[in-house]
Amino acid sequence: MEKIIVKWGDTSKIAKRFNVSTQAVRYALRFASSGERPDKIREVAIKEYGGQLVKFPKRVLK
């Protein structure tokens, strides 16, 4: 699994920039949504807001 981590408050700044909800940004940063806009949100989060791409193993429920 992958997700992009941004500083507190940057999620709402990105949401305002793209005119979407903060939930849409969180989904994009968790790679839970796909498409042109989520791809652009991820790109901007990394390049302009210092976001970090984090990879971790998928949690397995027992």
PDB file of N, CA and C in Angstrom:
ATOM      1  N   MET A   1       0.845  -1.180   0.000  1.00  0.00           N
ATOM      2  CA  MET A   1       0.000   0.000   0.000  1.00  0.00           C
ATOM      3  C   MET A   1       0.883   1.233   0.000  1.00  0.00           C
ATOM      4  N   GLU A   2       0.355   2.270  -0.560  1.00  0.00           N
ATOM      5  CA  GLU A   2       1.053   3.547  -0.594  1.00  0.00           C
ATOM      6  C   GLU A   2       0.100   4.643  -0.167  1.00  0.00           C
ATOM      7  N   LYS A   3       0.677   5.707   0.374  1.00  0.00           N
ATOM      8  CA  LYS A   3      -0.092   6.912   0.607  1.00  0.00           C
ATOM      9  C   LYS A   3       0.867   8.083   0.682  1.00  0.00           C
ATOM     10  N   ILE A   4       0.340   9.265   0.495  1.00  0.00           N
ATOM     11  CA  ILE A   4       1.150  10.473   0.526  1.00  0.00           C
ATOM     12  C   ILE A   4       0.803  11.224   1.806  1.00  0.00           C
ATOM     13  N   ILE A   5       1.839  11.561   2.554  1.00  0.00           N
ATOM     14  CA  ILE A   5       1.682  12.282   3.814  1.00  0.00           C
ATOM     15  C   ILE A   5       1.998  13.759   3.571  1.00  0.00           C
ATOM     16  N   VAL A   6       1.105  14.638   4.014  1.00  0.00           N
ATOM     17  CA  VAL A   6       1.346  16.082   3.946  1.00  0.00           C
ATOM     18  C   VAL A   6       1.198  16.672   5.344  1.00  0.00           C
ATOM     19  N   LYS A   7       1.716  17.874   5.527  1.00  0.00           N
ATOM     20  CA  LYS A   7       1.619  18.545   6.824  1.00  0.00           C
ATOM     21  C   LYS A   7       0.165  18.864   7.156  1.00  0.00           C
ATOM     22  N   TRP A   8      -0.084  18.996   8.456  1.00  0.00           N
ATOM     23  CA  TRP A   8      -1.411  19.338   8.920  1.00  0.00           C
ATOM     24  C   TRP A   8      -1.826  20.666   8.303  1.00  0.00           C
ATOM     25  N   GLY A   9      -3.033  20.726   7.766  1.00  0.00           N
ATOM     26  CA  GLY A   9      -3.556  21.945   7.166  1.00  0.00           C
ATOM     27  C   GLY A   9      -3.382  22.009   5.661  1.00  0.00           C
ATOM     28  N   ASP A  10      -2.427  21.249   5.126  1.00  0.00           N
ATOM     29  CA  ASP A  10      -2.208  21.280   3.679  1.00  0.00           C
ATOM     30  C   ASP A  10      -3.330  20.597   2.907  1.00  0.00           C
ATOM     31  N   THR A  11      -3.991  19.642   3.535  1.00  0.00           N
ATOM     32  CA  THR A  11      -5.103  18.967   2.869  1.00  0.00           C
ATOM     33  C   THR A  11      -6.193  19.966   2.503  1.00  0.00           C
ATOM     34  N   SER A  12      -6.525  20.862   3.415  1.00  0.00           N
ATOM     35  CA  SER A  12      -7.570  21.850   3.127  1.00  0.00           C
ATOM     36  C   SER A  12      -7.089  22.872   2.101  1.00  0.00           C
ATOM     37  N   LYS A  13      -5.812  23.210   2.108  1.00  0.00           N
ATOM     38  CA  LYS A  13      -5.273  24.130   1.098  1.00  0.00           C
ATOM     39  C   LYS A  13      -5.356  23.518  -0.291  1.00  0.00           C
ATOM     40  N   ILE A  14      -5.014  22.248  -0.387  1.00  0.00           N
ATOM     41  CA  ILE A  14      -5.094  21.551  -1.676  1.00  0.00           C
ATOM     42  C   ILE A  14      -6.553  21.451  -2.121  1.00  0.00           C
ATOM     43  N   ALA A  15      -7.461  21.185  -1.187  1.00  0.00           N
ATOM     44  CA  ALA A  15      -8.886  21.089  -1.519  1.00  0.00           C
ATOM     45  C   ALA A  15      -9.400  22.412  -2.088  1.00  0.00           C
ATOM     46  N   LYS A  16      -9.016  23.515  -1.477  1.00  0.00           N
ATOM     47  CA  LYS A  16      -9.447  24.825  -1.982  1.00  0.00           C
ATOM     48  C   LYS A  16      -8.875  25.089  -3.356  1.00  0.00           C
ATOM     49  N   ARG A  17      -7.629  24.723  -3.562  1.00  0.00           N
ATOM     50  CA  ARG A  17      -6.988  24.954  -4.863  1.00  0.00           C
ATOM     51  C   ARG A  17      -7.702  24.202  -5.984  1.00  0.00           C
ATOM     52  N   PHE A  18      -8.123  22.978  -5.711  1.00  0.00           N
ATOM     53  CA  PHE A  18      -8.775  22.155  -6.733  1.00  0.00           C
ATOM     54  C   PHE A  18     -10.303  22.243  -6.683  1.00  0.00           C
ATOM     55  N   ASN A  19     -10.822  23.025  -5.739  1.00  0.00           N
ATOM     56  CA  ASN A  19     -12.264  23.186  -5.587  1.00  0.00           C
ATOM     57  C   ASN A  19     -12.960  21.837  -5.363  1.00  0.00           C
ATOM     58  N   VAL A  20     -12.387  21.065  -4.443  1.00  0.00           N
ATOM     59  CA  VAL A  20     -12.962  19.769  -4.069  1.00  0.00           C
ATOM     60  C   VAL A  20     -13.021  19.704  -2.547  1.00  0.00           C
ATOM     61  N   SER A  21     -13.657  18.684  -2.027  1.00  0.00           N
ATOM     62  CA  SER A  21     -13.745  18.517  -0.570  1.00  0.00           C
ATOM     63  C   SER A  21     -12.424  17.974  -0.018  1.00  0.00           C
ATOM     64  N   THR A  22     -12.231  18.156   1.275  1.00  0.00           N
ATOM     65  CA  THR A  22     -11.035  17.593   1.904  1.00  0.00           C
ATOM     66  C   THR A  22     -11.064  16.070   1.842  1.00  0.00           C
ATOM     67  N   GLN A  23     -12.254  15.503   1.867  1.00  0.00           N
ATOM     68  CA  GLN A  23     -12.375  14.051   1.753  1.00  0.00           C
ATOM     69  C   GLN A  23     -11.855  13.574   0.400  1.00  0.00           C
ATOM     70  N   ALA A  24     -12.145  14.310  -0.667  1.00  0.00           N
ATOM     71  CA  ALA A  24     -11.648  13.940  -1.999  1.00  0.00           C
ATOM     72  C   ALA A  24     -10.123  13.970  -2.027  1.00  0.00           C
ATOM     73  N   VAL A  25      -9.529  14.943  -1.337  1.00  0.00           N
ATOM     74  CA  VAL A  25      -8.072  15.030  -1.276  1.00  0.00           C
ATOM     75  C   VAL A  25      -7.508  13.860  -0.477  1.00  0.00           C
ATOM     76  N   ARG A  26      -8.128  13.545   0.653  1.00  0.00           N
ATOM     77  CA  ARG A  26      -7.659  12.407   1.460  1.00  0.00           C
ATOM     78  C   ARG A  26      -7.735  11.111   0.660  1.00  0.00           C
ATOM     79  N   TYR A  27      -8.804  10.915  -0.084  1.00  0.00           N
ATOM     80  CA  TYR A  27      -8.931   9.717  -0.918  1.00  0.00           C
ATOM     81  C   TYR A  27      -7.823   9.677  -1.965  1.00  0.00           C
ATOM     82  N   ALA A  28      -7.555  10.819  -2.587  1.00  0.00           N
ATOM     83  CA  ALA A  28      -6.502  10.871  -3.610  1.00  0.00           C
ATOM     84  C   ALA A  28      -5.142  10.550  -3.000  1.00  0.00           C
ATOM     85  N   LEU A  29      -4.873  11.091  -1.814  1.00  0.00           N
ATOM     86  CA  LEU A  29      -3.574  10.877  -1.177  1.00  0.00           C
ATOM     87  C   LEU A  29      -3.406   9.444  -0.676  1.00  0.00           C
ATOM     88  N   ARG A  30      -4.521   8.745  -0.460  1.00  0.00           N
ATOM     89  CA  ARG A  30      -4.465   7.328  -0.057  1.00  0.00           C
ATOM     90  C   ARG A  30      -4.537   6.389  -1.257  1.00  0.00           C
ATOM     91  N   PHE A  31      -4.587   6.964  -2.460  1.00  0.00           N
ATOM     92  CA  PHE A  31      -4.709   6.197  -3.699  1.00  0.00           C
ATOM     93  C   PHE A  31      -6.003   5.397  -3.723  1.00  0.00           C
ATOM     94  N   ALA A  32      -7.045   5.905  -3.043  1.00  0.00           N
ATOM     95  CA  ALA A  32      -8.350   5.242  -3.018  1.00  0.00           C
ATOM     96  C   ALA A  32      -9.220   5.704  -4.184  1.00  0.00           C
ATOM     97  N   SER A  33      -8.755   6.703  -4.926  1.00  0.00           N
ATOM     98  CA  SER A  33      -9.479   7.168  -6.101  1.00  0.00           C
ATOM     99  C   SER A  33      -8.498   7.261  -7.261  1.00  0.00           C
ATOM    100  N   SER A  34      -9.031   7.167  -8.462  1.00  0.00           N
ATOM    101  CA  SER A  34      -8.174   7.243  -9.645  1.00  0.00           C
ATOM    102  C   SER A  34      -8.785   8.199 -10.645  1.00  0.00           C
ATOM    103  N   GLY A  35      -7.975   8.664 -11.539  1.00  0.00           N
ATOM    104  CA  GLY A  35      -8.440   9.591 -12.549  1.00  0.00           C
ATOM    105  C   GLY A  35      -7.455  10.734 -12.727  1.00  0.00           C
ATOM    106  N   GLU A  36      -7.811  11.657 -13.577  1.00  0.00           N
ATOM    107  CA  GLU A  36      -6.924  12.773 -13.880  1.00  0.00           C
ATOM    108  C   GLU A  36      -6.766  13.725 -12.693  1.00  0.00           C
ATOM    109  N   ARG A  37      -7.879  14.090 -12.055  1.00  0.00           N
ATOM    110  CA  ARG A  37      -7.808  15.031 -10.929  1.00  0.00           C
ATOM    111  C   ARG A  37      -7.053  14.445  -9.733  1.00  0.00           C
ATOM    112  N   PRO A  38      -7.363  13.230  -9.292  1.00  0.00           N
ATOM    113  CA  PRO A  38      -6.575  12.660  -8.184  1.00  0.00           C
ATOM    114  C   PRO A  38      -5.079  12.555  -8.511  1.00  0.00           C
ATOM    115  N   ASP A  39      -4.745  12.237  -9.760  1.00  0.00           N
ATOM    116  CA  ASP A  39      -3.340  12.189 -10.156  1.00  0.00           C
ATOM    117  C   ASP A  39      -2.687  13.555 -10.001  1.00  0.00           C
ATOM    118  N   LYS A  40      -3.393  14.602 -10.404  1.00  0.00           N
ATOM    119  CA  LYS A  40      -2.870  15.957 -10.294  1.00  0.00           C
ATOM    120  C   LYS A  40      -2.749  16.369  -8.818  1.00  0.00           C
ATOM    121  N   ILE A  41      -3.735  15.984  -8.002  1.00  0.00           N
ATOM    122  CA  ILE A  41      -3.684  16.289  -6.567  1.00  0.00           C
ATOM    123  C   ILE A  41      -2.444  15.649  -5.949  1.00  0.00           C
ATOM    124  N   ARG A  42      -2.171  14.401  -6.284  1.00  0.00           N
ATOM    125  CA  ARG A  42      -0.987  13.718  -5.753  1.00  0.00           C
ATOM    126  C   ARG A  42       0.298  14.400  -6.203  1.00  0.00           C
ATOM    127  N   GLU A  43       0.345  14.788  -7.465  1.00  0.00           N
ATOM    128  CA  GLU A  43       1.529  15.462  -8.005  1.00  0.00           C
ATOM    129  C   GLU A  43       1.792  16.790  -7.290  1.00  0.00           C
ATOM    130  N   VAL A  44       0.739  17.583  -7.111  1.00  0.00           N
ATOM    131  CA  VAL A  44       0.873  18.878  -6.439  1.00  0.00           C
ATOM    132  C   VAL A  44       1.245  18.689  -4.977  1.00  0.00           C
ATOM    133  N   ALA A  45       0.658  17.695  -4.321  1.00  0.00           N
ATOM    134  CA  ALA A  45       0.967  17.443  -2.913  1.00  0.00           C
ATOM    135  C   ALA A  45       2.450  17.157  -2.722  1.00  0.00           C
ATOM    136  N   ILE A  46       3.034  16.414  -3.637  1.00  0.00           N
ATOM    137  CA  ILE A  46       4.452  16.070  -3.519  1.00  0.00           C
ATOM    138  C   ILE A  46       5.341  17.239  -3.924  1.00  0.00           C
ATOM    139  N   LYS A  47       5.062  17.845  -5.071  1.00  0.00           N
ATOM    140  CA  LYS A  47       5.955  18.875  -5.616  1.00  0.00           C
ATOM    141  C   LYS A  47       5.846  20.221  -4.918  1.00  0.00           C
ATOM    142  N   GLU A  48       4.636  20.616  -4.536  1.00  0.00           N
ATOM    143  CA  GLU A  48       4.452  21.970  -4.005  1.00  0.00           C
ATOM    144  C   GLU A  48       4.225  22.027  -2.498  1.00  0.00           C
ATOM    145  N   TYR A  49       3.781  20.921  -1.911  1.00  0.00           N
ATOM    146  CA  TYR A  49       3.493  20.924  -0.474  1.00  0.00           C
ATOM    147  C   TYR A  49       4.429  20.023   0.314  1.00  0.00           C
ATOM    148  N   GLY A  50       5.450  19.493  -0.338  1.00  0.00           N
ATOM    149  CA  GLY A  50       6.435  18.680   0.367  1.00  0.00           C
ATOM    150  C   GLY A  50       5.919  17.342   0.844  1.00  0.00           C
ATOM    151  N   GLY A  51       4.900  16.822   0.179  1.00  0.00           N
ATOM    152  CA  GLY A  51       4.345  15.527   0.567  1.00  0.00           C
ATOM    153  C   GLY A  51       5.348  14.408   0.382  1.00  0.00           C
ATOM    154  N   GLN A  52       5.241  13.399   1.225  1.00  0.00           N
ATOM    155  CA  GLN A  52       6.134  12.249   1.168  1.00  0.00           C
ATOM    156  C   GLN A  52       5.342  10.998   0.824  1.00  0.00           C
ATOM    157  N   LEU A  53       5.822  10.271  -0.171  1.00  0.00           N
ATOM    158  CA  LEU A  53       5.205   9.003  -0.540  1.00  0.00           C
ATOM    159  C   LEU A  53       5.703   7.937   0.420  1.00  0.00           C
ATOM    160  N   VAL A  54       4.775   7.274   1.106  1.00  0.00           N
ATOM    161  CA  VAL A  54       5.104   6.260   2.099  1.00  0.00           C
ATOM    162  C   VAL A  54       4.552   4.926   1.619  1.00  0.00           C
ATOM    163  N   LYS A  55       5.394   3.909   1.657  1.00  0.00           N
ATOM    164  CA  LYS A  55       4.969   2.561   1.283  1.00  0.00           C
ATOM    165  C   LYS A  55       5.002   1.689   2.531  1.00  0.00           C
ATOM    166  N   PHE A  56       3.958   0.899   2.708  1.00  0.00           N
ATOM    167  CA  PHE A  56       3.897   0.010   3.858  1.00  0.00           C
ATOM    168  C   PHE A  56       3.079  -1.218   3.484  1.00  0.00           C
ATOM    169  N   PRO A  57       3.299  -2.326   4.182  1.00  0.00           N
ATOM    170  CA  PRO A  57       2.558  -3.547   3.854  1.00  0.00           C
ATOM    171  C   PRO A  57       1.075  -3.409   4.164  1.00  0.00           C
ATOM    172  N   LYS A  58       0.283  -4.043   3.360  1.00  0.00           N
ATOM    173  CA  LYS A  58      -1.158  -4.029   3.583  1.00  0.00           C
ATOM    174  C   LYS A  58      -1.479  -4.816   4.840  1.00  0.00           C
ATOM    175  N   ARG A  59      -2.353  -4.244   5.664  1.00  0.00           N
ATOM    176  CA  ARG A  59      -2.731  -4.895   6.925  1.00  0.00           C
ATOM    177  C   ARG A  59      -3.649  -6.088   6.634  1.00  0.00           C
ATOM    178  N   VAL A  60      -3.324  -7.193   7.230  1.00  0.00           N
ATOM    179  CA  VAL A  60      -4.115  -8.408   7.051  1.00  0.00           C
ATOM    180  C   VAL A  60      -4.937  -8.623   8.311  1.00  0.00           C
ATOM    181  N   LEU A  61      -6.229  -8.749   8.145  1.00  0.00           N
ATOM    182  CA  LEU A  61      -7.118  -8.999   9.278  1.00  0.00           C
ATOM    183  C   LEU A  61      -7.237 -10.500   9.504  1.00  0.00           C
ATOM    184  N   LYS A  62      -7.141 -10.895  10.744  1.00  0.00           N
ATOM    185  CA  LYS A  62      -7.220 -12.334  11.068  1.00  0.00           C
ATOM    186  C   LYS A  62      -8.576 -12.697  11.558  1.00  0.00           C
TER     187      LYS A  62
END
